[in-house]
PDB file of N, CA and C in Angstrom:
ATOM      1  N   MET A   1       0.110  -8.952  11.236  1.00  0.00           N
ATOM      2  CA  MET A   1      -0.418  -8.068  10.210  1.00  0.00           C
ATOM      3  C   MET A   1      -1.843  -7.679  10.578  1.00  0.00           C
ATOM      4  N   LYS A   2      -2.185  -6.434  10.362  1.00  0.00           N
ATOM      5  CA  LYS A   2      -3.542  -5.987  10.643  1.00  0.00           C
ATOM      6  C   LYS A   2      -4.503  -6.662   9.680  1.00  0.00           C
ATOM      7  N   ARG A   3      -5.664  -6.986  10.173  1.00  0.00           N
ATOM      8  CA  ARG A   3      -6.663  -7.648   9.337  1.00  0.00           C
ATOM      9  C   ARG A   3      -7.145  -6.726   8.232  1.00  0.00           C
ATOM     10  N   GLY A   4      -7.338  -7.301   7.065  1.00  0.00           N
ATOM     11  CA  GLY A   4      -7.890  -6.559   5.953  1.00  0.00           C
ATOM     12  C   GLY A   4      -6.874  -5.836   5.090  1.00  0.00           C
ATOM     13  N   LEU A   5      -5.666  -5.619   5.593  1.00  0.00           N
ATOM     14  CA  LEU A   5      -4.654  -4.944   4.782  1.00  0.00           C
ATOM     15  C   LEU A   5      -3.901  -5.966   3.944  1.00  0.00           C
ATOM     16  N   ARG A   6      -3.831  -5.690   2.674  1.00  0.00           N
ATOM     17  CA  ARG A   6      -3.038  -6.546   1.776  1.00  0.00           C
ATOM     18  C   ARG A   6      -1.785  -5.772   1.415  1.00  0.00           C
ATOM     19  N   ILE A   7      -0.677  -6.485   1.333  1.00  0.00           N
ATOM     20  CA  ILE A   7       0.570  -5.831   0.969  1.00  0.00           C
ATOM     21  C   ILE A   7       1.231  -6.551  -0.194  1.00  0.00           C
ATOM     22  N   ASN A   8       1.967  -5.796  -0.967  1.00  0.00           N
ATOM     23  CA  ASN A   8       2.765  -6.290  -2.077  1.00  0.00           C
ATOM     24  C   ASN A   8       2.005  -7.291  -2.942  1.00  0.00           C
ATOM     25  N   GLY A   9       2.438  -8.529  -3.012  1.00  0.00           N
ATOM     26  CA  GLY A   9       1.825  -9.524  -3.887  1.00  0.00           C
ATOM     27  C   GLY A   9       0.428  -9.948  -3.489  1.00  0.00           C
ATOM     28  N   GLY A  10      -0.030  -9.566  -2.293  1.00  0.00           N
ATOM     29  CA  GLY A  10      -1.362  -9.934  -1.831  1.00  0.00           C
ATOM     30  C   GLY A  10      -2.470  -9.060  -2.397  1.00  0.00           C
ATOM     31  N   ILE A  11      -2.094  -7.987  -3.081  1.00  0.00           N
ATOM     32  CA  ILE A  11      -3.088  -7.081  -3.662  1.00  0.00           C
ATOM     33  C   ILE A  11      -3.632  -7.707  -4.936  1.00  0.00           C
ATOM     34  N   ARG A  12      -4.952  -7.833  -5.032  1.00  0.00           N
ATOM     35  CA  ARG A  12      -5.570  -8.574  -6.138  1.00  0.00           C
ATOM     36  C   ARG A  12      -6.140  -7.707  -7.246  1.00  0.00           C
ATOM     37  N   ALA A  13      -6.274  -6.412  -7.019  1.00  0.00           N
ATOM     38  CA  ALA A  13      -6.906  -5.533  -8.010  1.00  0.00           C
ATOM     39  C   ALA A  13      -6.019  -5.348  -9.239  1.00  0.00           C
ATOM     40  N   ASP A  14      -6.649  -5.235 -10.400  1.00  0.00           N
ATOM     41  CA  ASP A  14      -5.902  -4.972 -11.636  1.00  0.00           C
ATOM     42  C   ASP A  14      -5.484  -3.512 -11.708  1.00  0.00           C
ATOM     43  N   ARG A  15      -6.404  -2.603 -11.343  1.00  0.00           N
ATOM     44  CA  ARG A  15      -6.138  -1.158 -11.372  1.00  0.00           C
ATOM     45  C   ARG A  15      -6.225  -0.641  -9.946  1.00  0.00           C
ATOM     46  N   ILE A  16      -5.349   0.291  -9.596  1.00  0.00           N
ATOM     47  CA  ILE A  16      -5.343   0.882  -8.263  1.00  0.00           C
ATOM     48  C   ILE A  16      -5.185   2.393  -8.368  1.00  0.00           C
ATOM     49  N   ARG A  17      -5.540   3.098  -7.316  1.00  0.00           N
ATOM     50  CA  ARG A  17      -5.200   4.516  -7.184  1.00  0.00           C
ATOM     51  C   ARG A  17      -3.972   4.519  -6.287  1.00  0.00           C
ATOM     52  N   LEU A  18      -2.883   5.075  -6.778  1.00  0.00           N
ATOM     53  CA  LEU A  18      -1.597   5.009  -6.094  1.00  0.00           C
ATOM     54  C   LEU A  18      -1.268   6.322  -5.415  1.00  0.00           C
ATOM     55  N   VAL A  19      -0.901   6.241  -4.139  1.00  0.00           N
ATOM     56  CA  VAL A  19      -0.414   7.389  -3.382  1.00  0.00           C
ATOM     57  C   VAL A  19       1.051   7.093  -3.086  1.00  0.00           C
ATOM     58  N   ASP A  20       1.945   7.996  -3.489  1.00  0.00           N
ATOM     59  CA  ASP A  20       3.367   7.716  -3.318  1.00  0.00           C
ATOM     60  C   ASP A  20       3.814   7.949  -1.871  1.00  0.00           C
ATOM     61  N   ALA A  21       5.069   7.664  -1.590  1.00  0.00           N
ATOM     62  CA  ALA A  21       5.611   7.725  -0.232  1.00  0.00           C
ATOM     63  C   ALA A  21       5.569   9.137   0.345  1.00  0.00           C
ATOM     64  N   ARG A  22       5.559  10.151  -0.507  1.00  0.00           N
ATOM     65  CA  ARG A  22       5.500  11.537  -0.039  1.00  0.00           C
ATOM     66  C   ARG A  22       4.072  12.013   0.172  1.00  0.00           C
ATOM     67  N   LYS A  23       3.098  11.161  -0.126  1.00  0.00           N
ATOM     68  CA  LYS A  23       1.668  11.456  -0.012  1.00  0.00           C
ATOM     69  C   LYS A  23       1.261  12.622  -0.905  1.00  0.00           C
ATOM     70  N   GLN A  24       2.047  12.899  -1.934  1.00  0.00           N
ATOM     71  CA  GLN A  24       1.777  14.059  -2.757  1.00  0.00           C
ATOM     72  C   GLN A  24       1.032  13.751  -4.044  1.00  0.00           C
ATOM     73  N   SER A  25       1.249  12.601  -4.606  1.00  0.00           N
ATOM     74  CA  SER A  25       0.600  12.332  -5.882  1.00  0.00           C
ATOM     75  C   SER A  25      -0.367  11.164  -5.756  1.00  0.00           C
ATOM     76  N   SER A  26      -1.401  11.241  -6.522  1.00  0.00           N
ATOM     77  CA  SER A  26      -2.384  10.174  -6.537  1.00  0.00           C
ATOM     78  C   SER A  26      -2.803   9.990  -7.983  1.00  0.00           C
ATOM     79  N   ARG A  27      -2.627   8.797  -8.478  1.00  0.00           N
ATOM     80  CA  ARG A  27      -2.981   8.536  -9.872  1.00  0.00           C
ATOM     81  C   ARG A  27      -3.397   7.079 -10.028  1.00  0.00           C
ATOM     82  N   ARG A  28      -4.112   6.817 -11.095  1.00  0.00           N
ATOM     83  CA  ARG A  28      -4.539   5.443 -11.381  1.00  0.00           C
ATOM     84  C   ARG A  28      -3.471   4.751 -12.196  1.00  0.00           C
ATOM     85  N   ARG A  29      -3.233   3.508 -11.867  1.00  0.00           N
ATOM     86  CA  ARG A  29      -2.293   2.707 -12.643  1.00  0.00           C
ATOM     87  C   ARG A  29      -2.540   1.238 -12.344  1.00  0.00           C
ATOM     88  N   ASN A  30      -1.854   0.382 -13.069  1.00  0.00           N
ATOM     89  CA  ASN A  30      -2.046  -1.037 -12.790  1.00  0.00           C
ATOM     90  C   ASN A  30      -1.251  -1.425 -11.546  1.00  0.00           C
ATOM     91  N   GLU A  31      -1.668  -2.492 -10.902  1.00  0.00           N
ATOM     92  CA  GLU A  31      -1.052  -2.928  -9.650  1.00  0.00           C
ATOM     93  C   GLU A  31       0.414  -3.249  -9.851  1.00  0.00           C
ATOM     94  N   ARG A  32       0.756  -3.868 -10.953  1.00  0.00           N
ATOM     95  CA  ARG A  32       2.147  -4.249 -11.204  1.00  0.00           C
ATOM     96  C   ARG A  32       3.056  -3.017 -11.218  1.00  0.00           C
ATOM     97  N   GLY A  33       2.605  -1.946 -11.864  1.00  0.00           N
ATOM     98  CA  GLY A  33       3.387  -0.713 -11.903  1.00  0.00           C
ATOM     99  C   GLY A  33       3.587  -0.125 -10.515  1.00  0.00           C
ATOM    100  N   GLY A  34       2.558  -0.188  -9.683  1.00  0.00           N
ATOM    101  CA  GLY A  34       2.669   0.301  -8.314  1.00  0.00           C
ATOM    102  C   GLY A  34       3.645  -0.530  -7.505  1.00  0.00           C
ATOM    103  N   HIS A  35       3.576  -1.844  -7.704  1.00  0.00           N
ATOM    104  CA  HIS A  35       4.485  -2.743  -6.987  1.00  0.00           C
ATOM    105  C   HIS A  35       5.931  -2.491  -7.410  1.00  0.00           C
ATOM    106  N   GLU A  36       6.164  -2.300  -8.705  1.00  0.00           N
ATOM    107  CA  GLU A  36       7.514  -2.024  -9.197  1.00  0.00           C
ATOM    108  C   GLU A  36       8.044  -0.708  -8.638  1.00  0.00           C
ATOM    109  N   GLN A  37       7.184   0.309  -8.572  1.00  0.00           N
ATOM    110  CA  GLN A  37       7.602   1.610  -8.041  1.00  0.00           C
ATOM    111  C   GLN A  37       7.967   1.482  -6.556  1.00  0.00           C
ATOM    112  N   ALA A  38       7.206   0.704  -5.807  1.00  0.00           N
ATOM    113  CA  ALA A  38       7.496   0.491  -4.392  1.00  0.00           C
ATOM    114  C   ALA A  38       8.823  -0.241  -4.219  1.00  0.00           C
ATOM    115  N   GLN A  39       9.064  -1.260  -5.042  1.00  0.00           N
ATOM    116  CA  GLN A  39      10.321  -2.003  -4.965  1.00  0.00           C
ATOM    117  C   GLN A  39      11.512  -1.110  -5.260  1.00  0.00           C
ATOM    118  N   GLU A  40      11.385  -0.250  -6.268  1.00  0.00           N
ATOM    119  CA  GLU A  40      12.473   0.668  -6.617  1.00  0.00           C
ATOM    120  C   GLU A  40      12.809   1.587  -5.451  1.00  0.00           C
ATOM    121  N   ALA A  41      11.800   1.957  -4.665  1.00  0.00           N
ATOM    122  CA  ALA A  41      12.007   2.840  -3.520  1.00  0.00           C
ATOM    123  C   ALA A  41      12.418   2.069  -2.265  1.00  0.00           C
ATOM    124  N   GLY A  42      12.413   0.734  -2.346  1.00  0.00           N
ATOM    125  CA  GLY A  42      12.751  -0.089  -1.185  1.00  0.00           C
ATOM    126  C   GLY A  42      11.650  -0.098  -0.143  1.00  0.00           C
ATOM    127  N   LEU A  43      10.403   0.095  -0.590  1.00  0.00           N
ATOM    128  CA  LEU A  43       9.252   0.172   0.311  1.00  0.00           C
ATOM    129  C   LEU A  43       8.209  -0.863  -0.075  1.00  0.00           C
ATOM    130  N   ASP A  44       7.080  -0.837   0.607  1.00  0.00           N
ATOM    131  CA  ASP A  44       5.992  -1.785   0.360  1.00  0.00           C
ATOM    132  C   ASP A  44       4.810  -1.074  -0.286  1.00  0.00           C
ATOM    133  N   LEU A  45       4.027  -1.838  -1.026  1.00  0.00           N
ATOM    134  CA  LEU A  45       2.768  -1.358  -1.573  1.00  0.00           C
ATOM    135  C   LEU A  45       1.667  -1.903  -0.666  1.00  0.00           C
ATOM    136  N   VAL A  46       0.929  -1.008  -0.016  1.00  0.00           N
ATOM    137  CA  VAL A  46      -0.080  -1.405   0.969  1.00  0.00           C
ATOM    138  C   VAL A  46      -1.454  -0.923   0.506  1.00  0.00           C
ATOM    139  N   GLU A  47      -2.417  -1.834   0.483  1.00  0.00           N
ATOM    140  CA  GLU A  47      -3.791  -1.494   0.115  1.00  0.00           C
ATOM    141  C   GLU A  47      -4.463  -0.888   1.347  1.00  0.00           C
ATOM    142  N   VAL A  48      -4.670   0.433   1.333  1.00  0.00           N
ATOM    143  CA  VAL A  48      -5.195   1.132   2.506  1.00  0.00           C
ATOM    144  C   VAL A  48      -6.702   1.379   2.446  1.00  0.00           C
ATOM    145  N   ALA A  49      -7.289   1.328   1.277  1.00  0.00           N
ATOM    146  CA  ALA A  49      -8.740   1.510   1.132  1.00  0.00           C
ATOM    147  C   ALA A  49      -9.252   0.493   0.108  1.00  0.00           C
ATOM    148  N   PRO A  50      -9.420  -0.765   0.544  1.00  0.00           N
ATOM    149  CA  PRO A  50      -9.794  -1.827  -0.391  1.00  0.00           C
ATOM    150  C   PRO A  50     -11.197  -1.697  -0.968  1.00  0.00           C
ATOM    151  N   ASN A  51     -12.090  -0.963  -0.309  1.00  0.00           N
ATOM    152  CA  ASN A  51     -13.467  -0.853  -0.781  1.00  0.00           C
ATOM    153  C   ASN A  51     -13.689   0.297  -1.747  1.00  0.00           C
ATOM    154  N   SER A  52     -12.670   1.112  -1.984  1.00  0.00           N
ATOM    155  CA  SER A  52     -12.778   2.204  -2.953  1.00  0.00           C
ATOM    156  C   SER A  52     -12.752   1.635  -4.360  1.00  0.00           C
ATOM    157  N   GLU A  53     -13.201   2.433  -5.314  1.00  0.00           N
ATOM    158  CA  GLU A  53     -13.170   2.001  -6.710  1.00  0.00           C
ATOM    159  C   GLU A  53     -12.375   3.004  -7.519  1.00  0.00           C
ATOM    160  N   PRO A  54     -11.178   2.729  -7.951  1.00  0.00           N
ATOM    161  CA  PRO A  54     -10.397   1.523  -7.660  1.00  0.00           C
ATOM    162  C   PRO A  54      -9.822   1.579  -6.240  1.00  0.00           C
ATOM    163  N   PRO A  55      -9.350   0.443  -5.722  1.00  0.00           N
ATOM    164  CA  PRO A  55      -8.750   0.432  -4.390  1.00  0.00           C
ATOM    165  C   PRO A  55      -7.578   1.407  -4.301  1.00  0.00           C
ATOM    166  N   VAL A  56      -7.398   1.990  -3.113  1.00  0.00           N
ATOM    167  CA  VAL A  56      -6.296   2.926  -2.899  1.00  0.00           C
ATOM    168  C   VAL A  56      -5.136   2.178  -2.264  1.00  0.00           C
ATOM    169  N   CYS A  57      -3.963   2.315  -2.870  1.00  0.00           N
ATOM    170  CA  CYS A  57      -2.750   1.697  -2.351  1.00  0.00           C
ATOM    171  C   CYS A  57      -1.715   2.782  -2.094  1.00  0.00           C
ATOM    172  N   ARG A  58      -0.950   2.597  -1.047  1.00  0.00           N
ATOM    173  CA  ARG A  58       0.055   3.583  -0.669  1.00  0.00           C
ATOM    174  C   ARG A  58       1.424   2.921  -0.620  1.00  0.00           C
ATOM    175  N   ILE A  59       2.414   3.633  -1.118  1.00  0.00           N
ATOM    176  CA  ILE A  59       3.796   3.179  -1.015  1.00  0.00           C
ATOM    177  C   ILE A  59       4.318   3.664   0.325  1.00  0.00           C
ATOM    178  N   MET A  60       4.741   2.724   1.182  1.00  0.00           N
ATOM    179  CA  MET A  60       5.175   3.075   2.529  1.00  0.00           C
ATOM    180  C   MET A  60       6.052   1.973   3.112  1.00  0.00           C
ATOM    181  N   ASP A  61       6.702   2.265   4.224  1.00  0.00           N
ATOM    182  CA  ASP A  61       7.477   1.262   4.956  1.00  0.00           C
ATOM    183  C   ASP A  61       6.505   0.583   5.914  1.00  0.00           C
ATOM    184  N   TYR A  62       5.954  -0.538   5.501  1.00  0.00           N
ATOM    185  CA  TYR A  62       4.915  -1.214   6.268  1.00  0.00           C
ATOM    186  C   TYR A  62       5.418  -1.659   7.638  1.00  0.00           C
ATOM    187  N   GLY A  63       6.640  -2.170   7.703  1.00  0.00           N
ATOM    188  CA  GLY A  63       7.200  -2.623   8.982  1.00  0.00           C
ATOM    189  C   GLY A  63       7.341  -1.486   9.975  1.00  0.00           C
ATOM    190  N   LYS A  64       7.774  -0.338   9.527  1.00  0.00           N
ATOM    191  CA  LYS A  64       7.928   0.829  10.392  1.00  0.00           C
ATOM    192  C   LYS A  64       6.560   1.306  10.875  1.00  0.00           C
ATOM    193  N   TRP A  65       5.568   1.261  10.026  1.00  0.00           N
ATOM    194  CA  TRP A  65       4.221   1.674  10.377  1.00  0.00           C
ATOM    195  C   TRP A  65       3.576   0.682  11.345  1.00  0.00           C
ATOM    196  N   LEU A  66       3.879  -0.596  11.167  1.00  0.00           N
ATOM    197  CA  LEU A  66       3.255  -1.651  11.978  1.00  0.00           C
ATOM    198  C   LEU A  66       3.798  -1.665  13.401  1.00  0.00           C
ATOM    199  N   LEU A  67       5.069  -1.369  13.611  1.00  0.00           N
ATOM    200  CA  LEU A  67       5.665  -1.456  14.947  1.00  0.00           C
ATOM    201  C   LEU A  67       4.967  -0.593  15.985  1.00  0.00           C
ATOM    202  N   PRO A  68       4.673   0.684  15.741  1.00  0.00           N
ATOM    203  CA  PRO A  68       3.943   1.459  16.767  1.00  0.00           C
ATOM    204  C   PRO A  68       2.571   0.874  17.076  1.00  0.00           C
ATOM    205  N   ALA A  69       1.918   0.293  16.094  1.00  0.00           N
ATOM    206  CA  ALA A  69       0.597  -0.309  16.317  1.00  0.00           C
ATOM    207  C   ALA A  69       0.713  -1.538  17.234  1.00  0.00           C
ATOM    208  N   GLU A  70       1.769  -2.324  17.056  1.00  0.00           N
ATOM    209  CA  GLU A  70       1.958  -3.512  17.906  1.00  0.00           C
ATOM    210  C   GLU A  70       2.330  -3.108  19.327  1.00  0.00           C
ATOM    211  N   ALA A  71       3.103  -2.029  19.494  1.00  0.00           N
ATOM    212  CA  ALA A  71       3.510  -1.575  20.807  1.00  0.00           C
ATOM    213  C   ALA A  71       2.307  -1.083  21.615  1.00  0.00           C
ATOM    214  N   ALA A  72       1.289  -0.569  20.959  1.00  0.00           N
ATOM    215  CA  ALA A  72       0.102  -0.066  21.648  1.00  0.00           C
ATOM    216  C   ALA A  72      -0.757  -1.194  22.210  1.00  0.00           C
ATOM    217  N   GLY A  73      -0.584  -2.391  21.669  1.00  0.00           N
ATOM    218  CA  GLY A  73      -1.341  -3.547  22.162  1.00  0.00           C
ATOM    219  C   GLY A  73      -2.684  -3.691  21.478  1.00  0.00           C
ATOM    220  N   PRO A  74      -3.480  -4.680  21.924  1.00  0.00           N
ATOM    221  CA  PRO A  74      -4.775  -4.936  21.266  1.00  0.00           C
ATOM    222  C   PRO A  74      -5.820  -3.894  21.511  1.00  0.00           C
TER     223      PRO A  74
END
């Protein structure tokens, strides 16, 4: 796992800015709602901008995104 990225249950913020899998909508909601929406889509909730206020989380296939990064090496 890339350092600094929190996924699914590892996200600690109460409120997040959520970007959906289509990258089209962005709205504030509680973390639990974002996690439930990701589960319904069969995807992961990934904290992509932890230093923002509120943190930005994206619904995405984390494993699919991670594989090209691992293939590129360190």
